[in-house]
Amino acid sequence: MLVNVNPSTSVNIAEDLRSAKTTTAVSATTTVGVALAANQARANYSIYNAGSSTVFLREGTAVTSTLYDVQIPPGFYWKEEFLTSRYTGVLSVITASGTSSLLVSEGSLI
């Protein structure tokens, strides 16, 4: 990465501000479900697996127990870190067996 530390023009960098997170209970089953709908204003999100089955999470609408981005075991918490860019699309979940209760939180830009 190349960075000009002495630019000839000034640059205005705005700080991203977000609202307080809202939390929703979501049930994950062996059928693909939506944990979070697409949200262009999404600032961050987190998911706590309060259930008894491992949950498989993936960005987009296609997720299986073998095609996923993140495994969230029972009792674990997943927090997306937006270190490079924000993902604002749909987040899908599924379990390999059984049902699991999720607490899904999302903050939005204001």
N, C-alpha and C. Protein backbone atom coordinates (compact mmCIF):
# COMPACT_ATOMS: atom_id res chain seq x y z
N MET A 1 0.84 -1.16 0.00
CA MET A 1 0.00 0.00 0.00
C MET A 1 0.89 1.23 0.00
N LEU A 2 0.57 2.20 -0.84
CA LEU A 2 1.30 3.44 -0.97
C LEU A 2 0.48 4.56 -0.35
N VAL A 3 1.06 5.33 0.57
CA VAL A 3 0.35 6.40 1.26
C VAL A 3 1.13 7.70 1.11
N ASN A 4 0.46 8.76 0.67
CA ASN A 4 1.07 10.08 0.57
C ASN A 4 0.84 10.80 1.89
N VAL A 5 1.88 10.96 2.69
CA VAL A 5 1.74 11.59 4.00
C VAL A 5 1.87 13.11 3.92
N ASN A 6 2.18 13.64 2.75
CA ASN A 6 2.29 15.09 2.55
C ASN A 6 1.45 15.51 1.34
N PRO A 7 0.15 15.33 1.39
CA PRO A 7 -0.67 15.69 0.23
C PRO A 7 -0.70 17.20 0.02
N SER A 8 -0.91 17.59 -1.23
CA SER A 8 -0.96 19.02 -1.55
C SER A 8 -2.34 19.62 -1.25
N THR A 9 -3.33 18.78 -1.07
CA THR A 9 -4.66 19.25 -0.70
C THR A 9 -5.08 18.59 0.60
N SER A 10 -5.98 19.26 1.32
CA SER A 10 -6.44 18.68 2.58
C SER A 10 -7.52 17.63 2.32
N VAL A 11 -7.62 16.68 3.20
CA VAL A 11 -8.60 15.62 3.09
C VAL A 11 -9.46 15.65 4.34
N ASN A 12 -10.77 15.62 4.15
CA ASN A 12 -11.70 15.62 5.27
C ASN A 12 -12.11 14.18 5.55
N ILE A 13 -11.75 13.68 6.70
CA ILE A 13 -12.10 12.31 7.07
C ILE A 13 -13.22 12.38 8.09
N ALA A 14 -14.39 11.87 7.70
CA ALA A 14 -15.56 11.89 8.59
C ALA A 14 -15.54 10.65 9.46
N GLU A 15 -15.92 10.81 10.69
CA GLU A 15 -16.00 9.69 11.62
C GLU A 15 -17.34 8.98 11.43
N ASP A 16 -17.30 7.65 11.35
CA ASP A 16 -18.54 6.89 11.27
C ASP A 16 -19.15 6.80 12.65
N LEU A 17 -20.39 7.20 12.77
CA LEU A 17 -21.12 7.09 14.02
C LEU A 17 -22.20 6.05 13.83
N ARG A 18 -22.50 5.29 14.88
CA ARG A 18 -23.53 4.27 14.77
C ARG A 18 -24.54 4.41 15.89
N SER A 19 -25.69 3.83 15.67
CA SER A 19 -26.74 3.79 16.68
C SER A 19 -26.43 2.67 17.67
N ALA A 20 -27.19 2.63 18.76
CA ALA A 20 -27.08 1.51 19.69
C ALA A 20 -27.53 0.24 18.96
N LYS A 21 -26.92 -0.87 19.27
CA LYS A 21 -27.31 -2.13 18.63
C LYS A 21 -28.74 -2.51 19.00
N THR A 22 -29.42 -3.12 18.03
CA THR A 22 -30.72 -3.73 18.31
C THR A 22 -30.50 -5.24 18.28
N THR A 23 -31.17 -5.95 19.17
CA THR A 23 -30.99 -7.40 19.28
C THR A 23 -32.29 -8.11 18.97
N THR A 24 -32.18 -9.17 18.19
CA THR A 24 -33.34 -9.96 17.78
C THR A 24 -33.04 -11.44 18.02
N ALA A 25 -34.04 -12.17 18.50
CA ALA A 25 -33.91 -13.62 18.66
C ALA A 25 -34.21 -14.28 17.31
N VAL A 26 -33.32 -15.18 16.90
CA VAL A 26 -33.47 -15.89 15.63
C VAL A 26 -33.30 -17.38 15.91
N SER A 27 -34.12 -18.20 15.29
CA SER A 27 -34.01 -19.65 15.43
C SER A 27 -33.31 -20.22 14.21
N ALA A 28 -32.24 -20.96 14.42
CA ALA A 28 -31.51 -21.62 13.32
C ALA A 28 -31.89 -23.10 13.32
N THR A 29 -32.19 -23.63 12.13
CA THR A 29 -32.58 -25.03 11.98
C THR A 29 -31.77 -25.65 10.84
N THR A 30 -32.15 -26.83 10.43
CA THR A 30 -31.47 -27.52 9.33
C THR A 30 -31.89 -26.97 7.96
N THR A 31 -32.79 -26.01 7.96
CA THR A 31 -33.18 -25.30 6.74
C THR A 31 -32.51 -23.93 6.77
N VAL A 32 -32.00 -23.48 5.63
CA VAL A 32 -31.34 -22.18 5.56
C VAL A 32 -32.27 -21.09 6.06
N GLY A 33 -31.76 -20.26 6.97
CA GLY A 33 -32.52 -19.13 7.51
C GLY A 33 -31.70 -17.86 7.44
N VAL A 34 -32.39 -16.74 7.55
CA VAL A 34 -31.73 -15.43 7.51
C VAL A 34 -31.50 -14.95 8.94
N ALA A 35 -30.23 -14.73 9.28
CA ALA A 35 -29.90 -14.17 10.60
C ALA A 35 -30.04 -12.66 10.56
N LEU A 36 -29.60 -12.04 9.46
CA LEU A 36 -29.73 -10.59 9.26
C LEU A 36 -30.08 -10.33 7.81
N ALA A 37 -31.08 -9.49 7.60
CA ALA A 37 -31.42 -9.04 6.25
C ALA A 37 -30.37 -8.04 5.79
N ALA A 38 -30.30 -7.81 4.50
CA ALA A 38 -29.38 -6.81 3.97
C ALA A 38 -29.69 -5.45 4.57
N ASN A 39 -28.65 -4.68 4.86
CA ASN A 39 -28.81 -3.36 5.46
C ASN A 39 -27.63 -2.50 5.02
N GLN A 40 -27.89 -1.57 4.11
CA GLN A 40 -26.83 -0.70 3.59
C GLN A 40 -26.22 0.18 4.66
N ALA A 41 -26.92 0.39 5.77
CA ALA A 41 -26.42 1.24 6.85
C ALA A 41 -25.77 0.44 7.97
N ARG A 42 -25.57 -0.87 7.78
CA ARG A 42 -24.98 -1.70 8.84
C ARG A 42 -23.59 -1.20 9.21
N ALA A 43 -23.38 -0.98 10.50
CA ALA A 43 -22.07 -0.58 11.00
C ALA A 43 -21.33 -1.79 11.57
N ASN A 44 -22.04 -2.68 12.23
CA ASN A 44 -21.45 -3.88 12.81
C ASN A 44 -22.54 -4.86 13.20
N TYR A 45 -22.13 -6.07 13.51
CA TYR A 45 -23.10 -7.06 13.99
C TYR A 45 -22.39 -8.09 14.86
N SER A 46 -23.19 -8.80 15.66
CA SER A 46 -22.66 -9.89 16.48
C SER A 46 -23.76 -10.93 16.64
N ILE A 47 -23.34 -12.17 16.88
CA ILE A 47 -24.28 -13.28 17.04
C ILE A 47 -23.83 -14.13 18.21
N TYR A 48 -24.74 -14.36 19.15
CA TYR A 48 -24.49 -15.26 20.28
C TYR A 48 -25.33 -16.51 20.08
N ASN A 49 -24.70 -17.69 20.14
CA ASN A 49 -25.41 -18.96 20.01
C ASN A 49 -25.83 -19.42 21.40
N ALA A 50 -27.09 -19.14 21.75
CA ALA A 50 -27.64 -19.50 23.05
C ALA A 50 -28.25 -20.90 23.03
N GLY A 51 -28.17 -21.58 21.90
CA GLY A 51 -28.79 -22.90 21.76
C GLY A 51 -27.82 -24.03 22.02
N SER A 52 -28.22 -25.23 21.58
CA SER A 52 -27.43 -26.43 21.87
C SER A 52 -26.82 -27.07 20.62
N SER A 53 -27.01 -26.47 19.45
CA SER A 53 -26.43 -26.99 18.20
C SER A 53 -25.45 -25.99 17.62
N THR A 54 -24.41 -26.48 16.97
CA THR A 54 -23.48 -25.61 16.28
C THR A 54 -24.19 -24.95 15.10
N VAL A 55 -23.94 -23.66 14.93
CA VAL A 55 -24.56 -22.89 13.84
C VAL A 55 -23.49 -22.54 12.82
N PHE A 56 -23.84 -22.66 11.55
CA PHE A 56 -22.94 -22.32 10.46
C PHE A 56 -23.45 -21.03 9.83
N LEU A 57 -22.56 -20.04 9.71
CA LEU A 57 -22.91 -18.71 9.23
C LEU A 57 -22.17 -18.42 7.93
N ARG A 58 -22.87 -17.78 6.99
CA ARG A 58 -22.21 -17.40 5.74
C ARG A 58 -22.84 -16.13 5.19
N GLU A 59 -22.00 -15.29 4.62
CA GLU A 59 -22.49 -14.11 3.92
C GLU A 59 -23.19 -14.57 2.64
N GLY A 60 -24.35 -14.00 2.35
CA GLY A 60 -25.11 -14.39 1.17
C GLY A 60 -26.26 -15.31 1.54
N THR A 61 -26.87 -15.91 0.53
CA THR A 61 -28.07 -16.73 0.75
C THR A 61 -27.79 -18.23 0.76
N ALA A 62 -26.59 -18.65 0.39
CA ALA A 62 -26.26 -20.07 0.34
C ALA A 62 -25.34 -20.45 1.50
N VAL A 63 -25.78 -21.38 2.34
CA VAL A 63 -24.96 -21.87 3.44
C VAL A 63 -25.31 -23.33 3.69
N THR A 64 -24.30 -24.14 3.99
CA THR A 64 -24.51 -25.53 4.40
C THR A 64 -23.54 -25.82 5.54
N SER A 65 -23.63 -27.01 6.09
CA SER A 65 -22.71 -27.38 7.17
C SER A 65 -21.31 -27.69 6.64
N THR A 66 -21.13 -27.66 5.32
CA THR A 66 -19.80 -27.83 4.73
C THR A 66 -19.36 -26.62 3.92
N LEU A 67 -20.26 -25.67 3.67
CA LEU A 67 -19.95 -24.45 2.94
C LEU A 67 -20.40 -23.27 3.79
N TYR A 68 -19.47 -22.71 4.55
CA TYR A 68 -19.80 -21.65 5.50
C TYR A 68 -18.57 -20.77 5.72
N ASP A 69 -18.79 -19.61 6.35
CA ASP A 69 -17.69 -18.72 6.70
C ASP A 69 -17.24 -18.93 8.14
N VAL A 70 -18.21 -19.15 9.03
CA VAL A 70 -17.92 -19.24 10.46
C VAL A 70 -18.78 -20.33 11.09
N GLN A 71 -18.17 -21.10 11.99
CA GLN A 71 -18.90 -22.05 12.86
C GLN A 71 -19.05 -21.39 14.21
N ILE A 72 -20.28 -21.37 14.74
CA ILE A 72 -20.49 -20.80 16.06
C ILE A 72 -21.00 -21.93 16.98
N PRO A 73 -20.12 -22.48 17.82
CA PRO A 73 -20.54 -23.55 18.74
C PRO A 73 -21.52 -23.03 19.79
N PRO A 74 -22.26 -23.92 20.43
CA PRO A 74 -23.17 -23.51 21.51
C PRO A 74 -22.40 -22.74 22.59
N GLY A 75 -22.98 -21.63 23.04
CA GLY A 75 -22.37 -20.84 24.10
C GLY A 75 -21.30 -19.87 23.62
N PHE A 76 -21.06 -19.79 22.30
CA PHE A 76 -20.04 -18.90 21.77
C PHE A 76 -20.66 -17.67 21.13
N TYR A 77 -19.84 -16.63 21.03
CA TYR A 77 -20.22 -15.33 20.52
C TYR A 77 -19.36 -15.00 19.32
N TRP A 78 -19.95 -14.54 18.23
CA TRP A 78 -19.21 -14.13 17.03
C TRP A 78 -19.44 -12.65 16.81
N LYS A 79 -18.35 -11.91 16.66
CA LYS A 79 -18.45 -10.47 16.40
C LYS A 79 -17.69 -10.16 15.13
N GLU A 80 -18.37 -9.62 14.15
CA GLU A 80 -17.73 -9.24 12.90
C GLU A 80 -16.91 -7.98 13.12
N GLU A 81 -15.66 -8.03 12.71
CA GLU A 81 -14.78 -6.87 12.79
C GLU A 81 -14.67 -6.27 11.40
N PHE A 82 -15.08 -5.05 11.25
CA PHE A 82 -14.99 -4.38 9.95
C PHE A 82 -13.66 -3.65 9.86
N LEU A 83 -12.58 -4.41 9.68
CA LEU A 83 -11.25 -3.81 9.60
C LEU A 83 -10.93 -3.30 8.20
N THR A 84 -11.53 -3.90 7.19
CA THR A 84 -11.25 -3.46 5.83
C THR A 84 -12.47 -2.83 5.17
N SER A 85 -13.61 -3.46 5.27
CA SER A 85 -14.84 -2.91 4.70
C SER A 85 -16.04 -3.53 5.40
N ARG A 86 -17.17 -2.86 5.30
CA ARG A 86 -18.39 -3.35 5.93
C ARG A 86 -19.13 -4.29 4.97
N TYR A 87 -19.65 -5.39 5.50
CA TYR A 87 -20.53 -6.26 4.71
C TYR A 87 -21.96 -5.86 5.03
N THR A 88 -22.72 -5.51 4.00
CA THR A 88 -24.07 -5.00 4.21
C THR A 88 -25.15 -5.91 3.65
N GLY A 89 -24.76 -7.08 3.15
CA GLY A 89 -25.73 -8.00 2.55
C GLY A 89 -26.37 -8.92 3.58
N VAL A 90 -27.12 -9.90 3.08
CA VAL A 90 -27.82 -10.85 3.92
C VAL A 90 -26.83 -11.82 4.56
N LEU A 91 -27.11 -12.24 5.80
CA LEU A 91 -26.33 -13.25 6.51
C LEU A 91 -27.23 -14.45 6.75
N SER A 92 -26.78 -15.62 6.30
CA SER A 92 -27.59 -16.84 6.40
C SER A 92 -26.99 -17.81 7.40
N VAL A 93 -27.86 -18.60 8.03
CA VAL A 93 -27.44 -19.58 9.04
C VAL A 93 -28.14 -20.91 8.81
N ILE A 94 -27.51 -21.97 9.32
CA ILE A 94 -28.08 -23.32 9.27
C ILE A 94 -27.41 -24.15 10.36
N THR A 95 -28.06 -25.22 10.79
CA THR A 95 -27.44 -26.19 11.68
C THR A 95 -27.32 -27.52 10.93
N ALA A 96 -26.41 -28.38 11.36
CA ALA A 96 -26.29 -29.70 10.75
C ALA A 96 -27.40 -30.60 11.27
N SER A 97 -27.84 -30.35 12.52
CA SER A 97 -28.95 -31.10 13.10
C SER A 97 -29.52 -30.28 14.26
N GLY A 98 -30.78 -30.48 14.51
CA GLY A 98 -31.41 -29.78 15.63
C GLY A 98 -31.68 -28.31 15.36
N THR A 99 -32.04 -27.63 16.43
CA THR A 99 -32.38 -26.21 16.38
C THR A 99 -31.52 -25.47 17.40
N SER A 100 -31.16 -24.24 17.08
CA SER A 100 -30.39 -23.43 18.01
C SER A 100 -30.96 -22.03 18.05
N SER A 101 -30.97 -21.45 19.25
CA SER A 101 -31.46 -20.09 19.43
C SER A 101 -30.29 -19.11 19.35
N LEU A 102 -30.46 -18.07 18.55
CA LEU A 102 -29.42 -17.07 18.37
C LEU A 102 -29.91 -15.72 18.86
N LEU A 103 -29.01 -14.94 19.43
CA LEU A 103 -29.28 -13.54 19.74
C LEU A 103 -28.42 -12.74 18.76
N VAL A 104 -29.07 -12.08 17.80
CA VAL A 104 -28.40 -11.39 16.72
C VAL A 104 -28.52 -9.89 16.96
N SER A 105 -27.37 -9.20 17.06
CA SER A 105 -27.35 -7.76 17.30
C SER A 105 -26.74 -7.05 16.11
N GLU A 106 -27.28 -5.86 15.80
CA GLU A 106 -26.80 -5.08 14.67
C GLU A 106 -26.83 -3.60 15.01
N GLY A 107 -25.74 -2.92 14.69
CA GLY A 107 -25.69 -1.46 14.82
C GLY A 107 -25.71 -0.84 13.44
N SER A 108 -26.36 0.31 13.29
CA SER A 108 -26.46 0.97 12.00
C SER A 108 -25.79 2.34 12.06
N LEU A 109 -25.27 2.75 10.93
CA LEU A 109 -24.66 4.08 10.81
C LEU A 109 -25.75 5.15 10.97
N ILE A 110 -25.38 6.26 11.58
CA ILE A 110 -26.34 7.38 11.70
C ILE A 110 -25.79 8.60 11.01
